[in-house]
C-alpha atoms as a PDB file:
ATOM      1  CA  UNK A   1       0.161  -0.079  -0.097  1.00  0.00           C
ATOM      2  CA  UNK A   2       1.431   3.587  -0.953  1.00  0.00           C
ATOM      3  CA  UNK A   3      -0.043   6.833   0.425  1.00  0.00           C
ATOM      4  CA  UNK A   4       1.410  10.076  -0.699  1.00  0.00           C
ATOM      5  CA  UNK A   5      -0.064  13.951   0.099  1.00  0.00           C
ATOM      6  CA  UNK A   6       1.194  16.775  -1.867  1.00  0.00           C
ATOM      7  CA  UNK A   7       0.488  20.288  -1.824  1.00  0.00           C
ATOM      8  CA  UNK A   8      -0.363  21.777  -5.031  1.00  0.00           C
ATOM      9  CA  UNK A   9      -2.937  24.258  -7.069  1.00  0.00           C
ATOM     10  CA  UNK A  10      -3.370  25.763  -3.918  1.00  0.00           C
ATOM     11  CA  UNK A  11      -4.876  22.560  -2.249  1.00  0.00           C
ATOM     12  CA  UNK A  12      -3.821  19.510  -0.802  1.00  0.00           C
ATOM     13  CA  UNK A  13      -3.868  16.339  -3.129  1.00  0.00           C
ATOM     14  CA  UNK A  14      -3.590  12.655  -1.383  1.00  0.00           C
ATOM     15  CA  UNK A  15      -2.809   9.750  -3.696  1.00  0.00           C
ATOM     16  CA  UNK A  16      -3.847   6.246  -1.836  1.00  0.00           C
ATOM     17  CA  UNK A  17      -2.991   2.953  -3.690  1.00  0.00           C
ATOM     18  CA  UNK A  18      -4.126  -0.187  -2.495  1.00  0.00           C
ATOM     19  CA  UNK A  19      -3.173  -3.692  -3.342  1.00  0.00           C
ATOM     20  CA  UNK A  20      -3.106  -6.096  -5.232  1.00  0.00           C
ATOM     21  CA  UNK A  21      -1.362  -4.417  -7.843  1.00  0.00           C
ATOM     22  CA  UNK A  22      -1.955  -5.716 -11.320  1.00  0.00           C
ATOM     23  CA  UNK A  23       1.445  -6.714 -11.897  1.00  0.00           C
ATOM     24  CA  UNK A  24       1.500  -8.965  -8.501  1.00  0.00           C
ATOM     25  CA  UNK A  25       1.044 -12.671  -8.382  1.00  0.00           C
ATOM     26  CA  UNK A  26       1.039 -15.014  -5.732  1.00  0.00           C
ATOM     27  CA  UNK A  27       2.246 -18.439  -5.788  1.00  0.00           C
ATOM     28  CA  UNK A  28      -0.763 -20.376  -5.565  1.00  0.00           C
ATOM     29  CA  UNK A  29      -1.685 -18.856  -9.087  1.00  0.00           C
ATOM     30  CA  UNK A  30       1.185 -20.859 -10.493  1.00  0.00           C
ATOM     31  CA  UNK A  31       0.223 -23.479 -12.691  1.00  0.00           C
ATOM     32  CA  UNK A  32      -0.036 -27.023 -10.492  1.00  0.00           C
ATOM     33  CA  UNK A  33       1.901 -29.513 -12.513  1.00  0.00           C
ATOM     34  CA  UNK A  34       3.882 -31.512  -9.782  1.00  0.00           C
ATOM     35  CA  UNK A  35       1.756 -34.554  -9.687  1.00  0.00           C
ATOM     36  CA  UNK A  36       4.300 -36.488 -11.693  1.00  0.00           C
ATOM     37  CA  UNK A  37       7.291 -35.133  -9.543  1.00  0.00           C
ATOM     38  CA  UNK A  38       9.014 -36.038  -6.366  1.00  0.00           C
ATOM     39  CA  UNK A  39       8.321 -34.428  -3.237  1.00  0.00           C
ATOM     40  CA  UNK A  40      12.000 -32.537  -3.551  1.00  0.00           C
ATOM     41  CA  UNK A  41      10.635 -31.804  -6.887  1.00  0.00           C
ATOM     42  CA  UNK A  42       7.429 -30.077  -5.892  1.00  0.00           C
ATOM     43  CA  UNK A  43       9.078 -28.508  -3.134  1.00  0.00           C
ATOM     44  CA  UNK A  44      11.916 -26.789  -5.545  1.00  0.00           C
ATOM     45  CA  UNK A  45       9.061 -25.962  -7.793  1.00  0.00           C
ATOM     46  CA  UNK A  46       6.844 -23.977  -5.322  1.00  0.00           C
ATOM     47  CA  UNK A  47       9.905 -22.124  -3.902  1.00  0.00           C
ATOM     48  CA  UNK A  48      10.705 -21.363  -7.664  1.00  0.00           C
ATOM     49  CA  UNK A  49       7.492 -19.392  -7.816  1.00  0.00           C
ATOM     50  CA  UNK A  50       7.624 -17.896  -4.442  1.00  0.00           C
ATOM     51  CA  UNK A  51      10.733 -16.513  -5.449  1.00  0.00           C
ATOM     52  CA  UNK A  52       9.317 -14.962  -8.862  1.00  0.00           C
ATOM     53  CA  UNK A  53       6.266 -13.944  -7.278  1.00  0.00           C
ATOM     54  CA  UNK A  54       8.221 -11.679  -4.523  1.00  0.00           C
ATOM     55  CA  UNK A  55      10.617 -10.449  -7.493  1.00  0.00           C
ATOM     56  CA  UNK A  56       7.179  -9.504  -9.669  1.00  0.00           C
ATOM     57  CA  UNK A  57       5.482  -7.814  -6.755  1.00  0.00           C
ATOM     58  CA  UNK A  58       8.602  -5.803  -6.327  1.00  0.00           C
ATOM     59  CA  UNK A  59       8.924  -4.727  -9.639  1.00  0.00           C
ATOM     60  CA  UNK A  60       5.117  -3.808  -9.769  1.00  0.00           C
ATOM     61  CA  UNK A  61       5.722  -1.731  -6.128  1.00  0.00           C
ATOM     62  CA  UNK A  62       8.853   0.106  -7.940  1.00  0.00           C
ATOM     63  CA  UNK A  63       6.838   1.106 -10.941  1.00  0.00           C
ATOM     64  CA  UNK A  64       3.856   2.264  -8.791  1.00  0.00           C
ATOM     65  CA  UNK A  65       6.197   4.196  -6.676  1.00  0.00           C
ATOM     66  CA  UNK A  66       7.875   6.039 -10.228  1.00  0.00           C
ATOM     67  CA  UNK A  67       4.521   6.724 -11.200  1.00  0.00           C
ATOM     68  CA  UNK A  68       3.253   8.365  -7.972  1.00  0.00           C
ATOM     69  CA  UNK A  69       6.507  10.729  -8.077  1.00  0.00           C
ATOM     70  CA  UNK A  70       5.890  11.433 -12.165  1.00  0.00           C
ATOM     71  CA  UNK A  71       1.844  12.299 -10.933  1.00  0.00           C
ATOM     72  CA  UNK A  72       3.643  14.632  -8.156  1.00  0.00           C
ATOM     73  CA  UNK A  73       5.850  16.532 -10.404  1.00  0.00           C
ATOM     74  CA  UNK A  74       3.185  16.575 -13.275  1.00  0.00           C
ATOM     75  CA  UNK A  75       0.708  18.307 -10.658  1.00  0.00           C
ATOM     76  CA  UNK A  76       3.247  20.906  -9.936  1.00  0.00           C
ATOM     77  CA  UNK A  77       3.393  21.533 -13.780  1.00  0.00           C
ATOM     78  CA  UNK A  78      -0.247  21.708 -14.079  1.00  0.00           C
ATOM     79  CA  UNK A  79       0.190  24.480 -10.945  1.00  0.00           C
ATOM     80  CA  UNK A  80       2.883  26.524 -13.270  1.00  0.00           C
ATOM     81  CA  UNK A  81       0.550  26.450 -16.550  1.00  0.00           C
ATOM     82  CA  UNK A  82      -2.677  26.533 -15.212  1.00  0.00           C
ATOM     83  CA  UNK A  83      -2.810  29.159 -12.101  1.00  0.00           C
ATOM     84  CA  UNK A  84      -4.358  32.373 -12.226  1.00  0.00           C
ATOM     85  CA  UNK A  85      -2.332  33.321  -9.231  1.00  0.00           C
ATOM     86  CA  UNK A  86       0.856  33.310 -10.994  1.00  0.00           C
ATOM     87  CA  UNK A  87       1.059  36.179 -13.221  1.00  0.00           C
ATOM     88  CA  UNK A  88       3.973  34.487 -15.241  1.00  0.00           C
ATOM     89  CA  UNK A  89       1.802  31.080 -15.995  1.00  0.00           C
ATOM     90  CA  UNK A  90       0.693  30.768 -19.519  1.00  0.00           C
ATOM     91  CA  UNK A  91      -2.744  30.997 -18.669  1.00  0.00           C
ATOM     92  CA  UNK A  92      -2.548  34.267 -17.137  1.00  0.00           C
ATOM     93  CA  UNK A  93      -0.496  35.746 -20.077  1.00  0.00           C
ATOM     94  CA  UNK A  94      -2.916  34.656 -22.622  1.00  0.00           C
ATOM     95  CA  UNK A  95      -5.658  36.255 -20.224  1.00  0.00           C
ATOM     96  CA  UNK A  96      -3.906  39.427 -20.472  1.00  0.00           C
ATOM     97  CA  UNK A  97      -3.596  39.144 -24.153  1.00  0.00           C
ATOM     98  CA  UNK A  98       0.424  39.032 -24.175  1.00  0.00           C
ATOM     99  CA  UNK A  99       0.565  35.746 -26.241  1.00  0.00           C
ATOM    100  CA  UNK A 100      -1.828  33.675 -28.237  1.00  0.00           C
ATOM    101  CA  UNK A 101      -3.020  30.124 -27.509  1.00  0.00           C
ATOM    102  CA  UNK A 102      -0.327  28.453 -30.281  1.00  0.00           C
ATOM    103  CA  UNK A 103       2.243  29.772 -27.832  1.00  0.00           C
ATOM    104  CA  UNK A 104       1.019  28.035 -24.893  1.00  0.00           C
ATOM    105  CA  UNK A 105       1.347  24.443 -24.219  1.00  0.00           C
ATOM    106  CA  UNK A 106      -0.877  21.858 -26.243  1.00  0.00           C
ATOM    107  CA  UNK A 107      -2.742  21.059 -22.620  1.00  0.00           C
ATOM    108  CA  UNK A 108      -4.007  24.525 -22.761  1.00  0.00           C
ATOM    109  CA  UNK A 109      -6.142  24.199 -25.906  1.00  0.00           C
ATOM    110  CA  UNK A 110      -6.893  21.172 -24.637  1.00  0.00           C
ATOM    111  CA  UNK A 111      -8.860  22.359 -21.507  1.00  0.00           C
ATOM    112  CA  UNK A 112     -10.444  24.947 -23.380  1.00  0.00           C
ATOM    113  CA  UNK A 113     -11.843  22.799 -25.439  1.00  0.00           C
ATOM    114  CA  UNK A 114     -13.037  20.577 -22.604  1.00  0.00           C
ATOM    115  CA  UNK A 115     -14.480  24.000 -21.303  1.00  0.00           C
ATOM    116  CA  UNK A 116     -16.382  24.868 -24.432  1.00  0.00           C
ATOM    117  CA  UNK A 117     -17.939  21.275 -24.244  1.00  0.00           C
ATOM    118  CA  UNK A 118     -19.203  22.021 -20.531  1.00  0.00           C
ATOM    119  CA  UNK A 119     -20.689  25.371 -21.264  1.00  0.00           C
ATOM    120  CA  UNK A 120     -22.338  23.795 -24.305  1.00  0.00           C
ATOM    121  CA  UNK A 121     -23.837  20.778 -22.213  1.00  0.00           C
ATOM    122  CA  UNK A 122     -24.406  22.980 -19.321  1.00  0.00           C
ATOM    123  CA  UNK A 123     -26.569  25.658 -21.578  1.00  0.00           C
ATOM    124  CA  UNK A 124     -23.565  28.157 -20.651  1.00  0.00           C
ATOM    125  CA  UNK A 125     -23.817  27.811 -16.365  1.00  0.00           C
ATOM    126  CA  UNK A 126     -20.253  26.346 -16.771  1.00  0.00           C
ATOM    127  CA  UNK A 127     -17.803  29.079 -18.111  1.00  0.00           C
ATOM    128  CA  UNK A 128     -14.115  29.511 -18.449  1.00  0.00           C
ATOM    129  CA  UNK A 129     -14.589  33.231 -18.147  1.00  0.00           C
ATOM    130  CA  UNK A 130     -16.098  33.759 -14.778  1.00  0.00           C
ATOM    131  CA  UNK A 131     -16.701  37.683 -14.404  1.00  0.00           C
ATOM    132  CA  UNK A 132     -15.292  38.160 -17.805  1.00  0.00           C
ATOM    133  CA  UNK A 133     -11.513  36.989 -16.952  1.00  0.00           C
ATOM    134  CA  UNK A 134     -10.090  33.910 -18.081  1.00  0.00           C
ATOM    135  CA  UNK A 135     -10.219  31.534 -15.420  1.00  0.00           C
ATOM    136  CA  UNK A 136     -10.579  27.434 -16.669  1.00  0.00           C
ATOM    137  CA  UNK A 137      -9.794  26.555 -12.745  1.00  0.00           C
ATOM    138  CA  UNK A 138     -13.248  24.455 -12.344  1.00  0.00           C
ATOM    139  CA  UNK A 139     -11.949  22.415 -15.309  1.00  0.00           C
ATOM    140  CA  UNK A 140      -8.222  21.769 -14.327  1.00  0.00           C
ATOM    141  CA  UNK A 141      -8.373  20.325 -10.907  1.00  0.00           C
ATOM    142  CA  UNK A 142     -10.917  17.508 -12.089  1.00  0.00           C
ATOM    143  CA  UNK A 143      -8.848  17.050 -15.175  1.00  0.00           C
ATOM    144  CA  UNK A 144      -5.859  16.962 -13.198  1.00  0.00           C
ATOM    145  CA  UNK A 145      -6.835  14.173 -11.100  1.00  0.00           C
ATOM    146  CA  UNK A 146      -8.359  11.935 -13.309  1.00  0.00           C
ATOM    147  CA  UNK A 147      -4.777  12.193 -15.329  1.00  0.00           C
ATOM    148  CA  UNK A 148      -3.122  11.090 -12.170  1.00  0.00           C
ATOM    149  CA  UNK A 149      -5.561   8.263 -11.998  1.00  0.00           C
ATOM    150  CA  UNK A 150      -4.616   7.168 -15.363  1.00  0.00           C
ATOM    151  CA  UNK A 151      -1.064   7.487 -14.805  1.00  0.00           C
ATOM    152  CA  UNK A 152      -1.252   5.000 -11.637  1.00  0.00           C
ATOM    153  CA  UNK A 153      -3.708   2.824 -13.633  1.00  0.00           C
ATOM    154  CA  UNK A 154      -0.814   2.360 -16.299  1.00  0.00           C
ATOM    155  CA  UNK A 155       1.649   1.359 -13.615  1.00  0.00           C
ATOM    156  CA  UNK A 156      -0.402  -1.356 -12.461  1.00  0.00           C
ATOM    157  CA  UNK A 157      -2.274   0.662  -9.542  1.00  0.00           C
ATOM    158  CA  UNK A 158      -5.577  -0.677 -10.260  1.00  0.00           C
ATOM    159  CA  UNK A 159      -7.001   0.065  -6.803  1.00  0.00           C
ATOM    160  CA  UNK A 160      -6.470   3.644  -5.733  1.00  0.00           C
ATOM    161  CA  UNK A 161      -8.128   6.735  -4.762  1.00  0.00           C
ATOM    162  CA  UNK A 162      -6.848  10.150  -5.644  1.00  0.00           C
ATOM    163  CA  UNK A 163      -8.633  13.001  -3.905  1.00  0.00           C
ATOM    164  CA  UNK A 164      -7.965  16.753  -4.537  1.00  0.00           C
ATOM    165  CA  UNK A 165      -9.709  19.356  -2.257  1.00  0.00           C
ATOM    166  CA  UNK A 166     -12.502  16.689  -1.604  1.00  0.00           C
ATOM    167  CA  UNK A 167     -12.986  15.851  -5.255  1.00  0.00           C
ATOM    168  CA  UNK A 168     -12.119  12.220  -5.794  1.00  0.00           C
ATOM    169  CA  UNK A 169     -11.289   9.515  -8.700  1.00  0.00           C
ATOM    170  CA  UNK A 170     -11.246   6.110  -7.783  1.00  0.00           C
ATOM    171  CA  UNK A 171     -10.457   3.094  -9.291  1.00  0.00           C
ATOM    172  CA  UNK A 172     -11.177  -0.843  -8.231  1.00  0.00           C
ATOM    173  CA  UNK A 173     -11.709  -1.148  -4.767  1.00  0.00           C
ATOM    174  CA  UNK A 174     -10.339  -0.369  -1.275  1.00  0.00           C
ATOM    175  CA  UNK A 175      -9.409  -3.763  -0.451  1.00  0.00           C
ATOM    176  CA  UNK A 176     -10.526  -7.090  -1.731  1.00  0.00           C
ATOM    177  CA  UNK A 177     -14.502  -7.639  -0.556  1.00  0.00           C
ATOM    178  CA  UNK A 178     -14.769  -3.992  -0.135  1.00  0.00           C
ATOM    179  CA  UNK A 179     -15.898  -1.341  -2.254  1.00  0.00           C
ATOM    180  CA  UNK A 180     -14.399   2.584  -1.812  1.00  0.00           C
ATOM    181  CA  UNK A 181     -16.917   4.876   0.043  1.00  0.00           C
ATOM    182  CA  UNK A 182     -16.849   8.589  -0.272  1.00  0.00           C
ATOM    183  CA  UNK A 183     -18.292  10.425   2.446  1.00  0.00           C
ATOM    184  CA  UNK A 184     -19.882  13.914   1.639  1.00  0.00           C
ATOM    185  CA  UNK A 185     -19.703  16.471   4.456  1.00  0.00           C
ATOM    186  CA  UNK A 186     -22.454  18.307   5.307  1.00  0.00           C
ATOM    187  CA  UNK A 187     -22.416  22.132   4.467  1.00  0.00           C
ATOM    188  CA  UNK A 188     -24.784  23.257   7.307  1.00  0.00           C
ATOM    189  CA  UNK A 189     -23.544  20.978  10.079  1.00  0.00           C
ATOM    190  CA  UNK A 190     -19.682  21.048  10.285  1.00  0.00           C
ATOM    191  CA  UNK A 191     -18.479  17.696  11.336  1.00  0.00           C
ATOM    192  CA  UNK A 192     -21.270  15.965  10.211  1.00  0.00           C
ATOM    193  CA  UNK A 193     -21.757  13.737   6.947  1.00  0.00           C
ATOM    194  CA  UNK A 194     -24.557  14.286   4.476  1.00  0.00           C
ATOM    195  CA  UNK A 195     -24.537  11.157   2.717  1.00  0.00           C
ATOM    196  CA  UNK A 196     -22.123   8.276   1.944  1.00  0.00           C
ATOM    197  CA  UNK A 197     -21.325   7.371  -1.713  1.00  0.00           C
ATOM    198  CA  UNK A 198     -20.180   4.234  -3.248  1.00  0.00           C
ATOM    199  CA  UNK A 199     -19.677   2.695  -6.768  1.00  0.00           C
ATOM    200  CA  UNK A 200     -22.725   2.702  -8.484  1.00  0.00           C
ATOM    201  CA  UNK A 201     -22.226  -0.966  -9.488  1.00  0.00           C
ATOM    202  CA  UNK A 202     -22.190  -2.309  -5.829  1.00  0.00           C
ATOM    203  CA  UNK A 203     -25.253  -4.467  -5.154  1.00  0.00           C
ATOM    204  CA  UNK A 204     -26.321  -6.258  -2.196  1.00  0.00           C
ATOM    205  CA  UNK A 205     -25.813 -10.311  -2.283  1.00  0.00           C
ATOM    206  CA  UNK A 206     -25.570 -13.051   0.307  1.00  0.00           C
ATOM    207  CA  UNK A 207     -22.542 -14.273   1.348  1.00  0.00           C
ATOM    208  CA  UNK A 208     -22.360 -17.219   3.768  1.00  0.00           C
ATOM    209  CA  UNK A 209     -26.209 -16.854   4.542  1.00  0.00           C
ATOM    210  CA  UNK A 210     -25.648 -13.116   5.734  1.00  0.00           C
ATOM    211  CA  UNK A 211     -26.193  -9.770   3.766  1.00  0.00           C
ATOM    212  CA  UNK A 212     -22.924  -8.848   1.891  1.00  0.00           C
ATOM    213  CA  UNK A 213     -21.670  -6.545  -0.892  1.00  0.00           C
ATOM    214  CA  UNK A 214     -20.574  -7.487  -4.407  1.00  0.00           C
ATOM    215  CA  UNK A 215     -17.869  -5.377  -5.494  1.00  0.00           C
ATOM    216  CA  UNK A 216     -17.497  -3.693  -8.954  1.00  0.00           C
ATOM    217  CA  UNK A 217     -14.545  -5.010 -10.889  1.00  0.00           C
ATOM    218  CA  UNK A 218     -10.738  -4.136 -10.362  1.00  0.00           C
ATOM    219  CA  UNK A 219     -11.250  -1.853 -13.848  1.00  0.00           C
ATOM    220  CA  UNK A 220     -14.302  -0.264 -12.218  1.00  0.00           C
ATOM    221  CA  UNK A 221     -14.064   3.866 -12.026  1.00  0.00           C
ATOM    222  CA  UNK A 222     -16.264   6.246 -10.488  1.00  0.00           C
ATOM    223  CA  UNK A 223     -15.921   9.806  -9.643  1.00  0.00           C
ATOM    224  CA  UNK A 224     -17.241  12.241  -6.758  1.00  0.00           C
ATOM    225  CA  UNK A 225     -17.154  15.778  -6.930  1.00  0.00           C
ATOM    226  CA  UNK A 226     -18.889  18.428  -4.595  1.00  0.00           C
ATOM    227  CA  UNK A 227     -19.287  22.590  -5.154  1.00  0.00           C
ATOM    228  CA  UNK A 228     -20.873  24.284  -2.460  1.00  0.00           C
ATOM    229  CA  UNK A 229     -20.425  27.340  -0.387  1.00  0.00           C
ATOM    230  CA  UNK A 230     -18.887  25.664   2.810  1.00  0.00           C
ATOM    231  CA  UNK A 231     -15.283  25.780   2.502  1.00  0.00           C
ATOM    232  CA  UNK A 232     -14.832  28.735   0.548  1.00  0.00           C
ATOM    233  CA  UNK A 233     -18.105  30.790   0.725  1.00  0.00           C
ATOM    234  CA  UNK A 234     -20.136  32.328  -1.973  1.00  0.00           C
ATOM    235  CA  UNK A 235     -17.558  31.731  -4.788  1.00  0.00           C
ATOM    236  CA  UNK A 236     -19.554  30.228  -7.404  1.00  0.00           C
ATOM    237  CA  UNK A 237     -21.331  32.953  -9.969  1.00  0.00           C
ATOM    238  CA  UNK A 238     -24.235  32.252 -12.039  1.00  0.00           C
ATOM    239  CA  UNK A 239     -23.051  33.203 -15.498  1.00  0.00           C
ATOM    240  CA  UNK A 240     -26.633  34.427 -16.681  1.00  0.00           C
ATOM    241  CA  UNK A 241     -27.036  36.834 -13.562  1.00  0.00           C
ATOM    242  CA  UNK A 242     -23.411  37.742 -12.541  1.00  0.00           C
ATOM    243  CA  UNK A 243     -24.331  37.076  -9.220  1.00  0.00           C
ATOM    244  CA  UNK A 244     -23.058  34.792  -6.657  1.00  0.00           C
ATOM    245  CA  UNK A 245     -25.079  31.381  -6.855  1.00  0.00           C
ATOM    246  CA  UNK A 246     -27.338  31.368  -3.672  1.00  0.00           C
ATOM    247  CA  UNK A 247     -30.199  28.488  -3.973  1.00  0.00           C
ATOM    248  CA  UNK A 248     -27.832  25.374  -2.709  1.00  0.00           C
ATOM    249  CA  UNK A 249     -25.678  24.944  -0.062  1.00  0.00           C
ATOM    250  CA  UNK A 250     -23.445  22.143  -1.893  1.00  0.00           C
ATOM    251  CA  UNK A 251     -24.364  19.715  -4.919  1.00  0.00           C
ATOM    252  CA  UNK A 252     -22.318  16.338  -5.303  1.00  0.00           C
ATOM    253  CA  UNK A 253     -22.173  14.553  -8.438  1.00  0.00           C
ATOM    254  CA  UNK A 254     -21.230  11.473  -9.517  1.00  0.00           C
ATOM    255  CA  UNK A 255     -20.103   9.616 -11.986  1.00  0.00           C
ATOM    256  CA  UNK A 256     -17.341   7.331 -14.150  1.00  0.00           C
ATOM    257  CA  UNK A 257     -14.625  10.060 -14.883  1.00  0.00           C
ATOM    258  CA  UNK A 258     -14.158  13.149 -12.999  1.00  0.00           C
ATOM    259  CA  UNK A 259     -13.165  15.742 -15.651  1.00  0.00           C
ATOM    260  CA  UNK A 260     -16.413  16.632 -16.676  1.00  0.00           C
ATOM    261  CA  UNK A 261     -18.077  15.457 -13.400  1.00  0.00           C
ATOM    262  CA  UNK A 262     -16.385  17.896 -11.395  1.00  0.00           C
ATOM    263  CA  UNK A 263     -17.028  20.657 -14.321  1.00  0.00           C
ATOM    264  CA  UNK A 264     -20.827  19.580 -14.306  1.00  0.00           C
ATOM    265  CA  UNK A 265     -20.484  20.002 -10.318  1.00  0.00           C
ATOM    266  CA  UNK A 266     -19.633  23.703 -10.894  1.00  0.00           C
ATOM    267  CA  UNK A 267     -22.240  24.358 -13.313  1.00  0.00           C
ATOM    268  CA  UNK A 268     -24.900  22.791 -11.502  1.00  0.00           C
ATOM    269  CA  UNK A 269     -24.600  24.647  -8.164  1.00  0.00           C
ATOM    270  CA  UNK A 270     -25.037  27.697 -10.627  1.00  0.00           C
ATOM    271  CA  UNK A 271     -28.017  26.058 -11.926  1.00  0.00           C
ATOM    272  CA  UNK A 272     -29.456  25.649  -7.983  1.00  0.00           C
ATOM    273  CA  UNK A 273     -33.013  23.919  -8.069  1.00  0.00           C
ATOM    274  CA  UNK A 274     -33.180  23.664 -11.932  1.00  0.00           C
ATOM    275  CA  UNK A 275     -29.893  21.664 -11.754  1.00  0.00           C
ATOM    276  CA  UNK A 276     -32.099  18.594 -10.948  1.00  0.00           C
ATOM    277  CA  UNK A 277     -34.083  17.986 -14.285  1.00  0.00           C
ATOM    278  CA  UNK A 278     -30.635  19.073 -15.667  1.00  0.00           C
ATOM    279  CA  UNK A 279     -28.761  16.250 -14.320  1.00  0.00           C
ATOM    280  CA  UNK A 280     -31.517  13.343 -14.582  1.00  0.00           C
ATOM    281  CA  UNK A 281     -31.018  14.215 -18.294  1.00  0.00           C
ATOM    282  CA  UNK A 282     -27.361  13.587 -18.339  1.00  0.00           C
ATOM    283  CA  UNK A 283     -26.074   9.874 -19.003  1.00  0.00           C
ATOM    284  CA  UNK A 284     -24.618   8.469 -16.298  1.00  0.00           C
ATOM    285  CA  UNK A 285     -24.383  11.047 -13.954  1.00  0.00           C
ATOM    286  CA  UNK A 286     -26.380  11.443 -10.490  1.00  0.00           C
ATOM    287  CA  UNK A 287     -26.766  14.283  -7.995  1.00  0.00           C
ATOM    288  CA  UNK A 288     -27.107  15.129  -4.395  1.00  0.00           C
ATOM    289  CA  UNK A 289     -28.012  18.633  -3.153  1.00  0.00           C
ATOM    290  CA  UNK A 290     -28.430  20.268   0.487  1.00  0.00           C
ATOM    291  CA  UNK A 291     -30.467  23.465  -0.599  1.00  0.00           C
ATOM    292  CA  UNK A 292     -29.762  26.667   1.248  1.00  0.00           C
ATOM    293  CA  UNK A 293     -32.779  26.032   3.789  1.00  0.00           C
ATOM    294  CA  UNK A 294     -31.059  22.835   4.657  1.00  0.00           C
ATOM    295  CA  UNK A 295     -33.651  20.612   2.635  1.00  0.00           C
ATOM    296  CA  UNK A 296     -32.023  17.443   0.338  1.00  0.00           C
ATOM    297  CA  UNK A 297     -32.626  16.202  -2.874  1.00  0.00           C
ATOM    298  CA  UNK A 298     -30.893  13.601  -4.608  1.00  0.00           C
ATOM    299  CA  UNK A 299     -31.464  12.182  -8.559  1.00  0.00           C
ATOM    300  CA  UNK A 300     -33.245   8.551  -8.712  1.00  0.00           C
ATOM    301  CA  UNK A 301     -29.869   6.703  -9.388  1.00  0.00           C
ATOM    302  CA  UNK A 302     -27.539   8.352  -6.276  1.00  0.00           C
ATOM    303  CA  UNK A 303     -25.713   5.655  -5.031  1.00  0.00           C
ATOM    304  CA  UNK A 304     -25.815   6.980  -1.516  1.00  0.00           C
ATOM    305  CA  UNK A 305     -27.942   7.292   1.370  1.00  0.00           C
ATOM    306  CA  UNK A 306     -28.509   9.948   3.788  1.00  0.00           C
ATOM    307  CA  UNK A 307     -27.146   9.117   7.298  1.00  0.00           C
ATOM    308  CA  UNK A 308     -28.910  11.223  10.128  1.00  0.00           C
ATOM    309  CA  UNK A 309     -28.309   8.059  12.674  1.00  0.00           C
ATOM    310  CA  UNK A 310     -24.616   8.115  11.842  1.00  0.00           C
ATOM    311  CA  UNK A 311     -24.223  11.571  12.794  1.00  0.00           C
ATOM    312  CA  UNK A 312     -26.259  11.565  16.096  1.00  0.00           C
ATOM    313  CA  UNK A 313     -29.221  13.160  14.473  1.00  0.00           C
END
């Protein structure tokens, strides 16, 4: 298991990698062909399989360590490229008109293209220019987290959680037979949870005569993104009115990949009560919202449940 915490892009990122790794193989997975061998031959074969398994696991762990280091370096590069707080970043210079898009790294073009897609899908509630100033930050963080997740997957870390400021991309499971669970903070009651989210494919089963859970396969991915006022106050602007959105205290979206889920969460918060109908029309996306008055609502397929008992309510 590998865990790493990194401060970048004005927030805290955590990378949590769980076993087993894709490249690891245990001795009992080796072909059983010892029936025609002597006891000594079988012992020698088992010893050889065990040594190879240990070596393969070591290689897999080293691959993951390199991927984590690469991901951390890349997050800092993203910060240097997209930060609107750094006057010398390509995005800051582009926003001031000092350089053109062709002078920026190609990732800037990619991000602005994704922003345009989100703006069209959300009827303009998502914008790369809040307040009339170029600032694609609402797209960049989710995109960066998802990219880090894919780096880890390529390195063999098929079970992991990447968290950036509370927005999460998950893959696989927390442990064999145990799915990832993500707690969503109650924006109006600090220290309490409003809901807990699990992967959409988790479903009740019976194991040994007792209720259990069937976990999505190791390639399963899901993302959770929350937008709200709890941490930063009223900071999301409704592009259609130019005023801070105020109908919701928070909204959490779930789906497969964080890039668009995070951007859609920003747009949904700006929409307010209209977000429910909009999210219901999105393929593979679900929502849970806490209104400014403390009421809650969820879309029909939201994979979570309110937890008043756990919160001592």
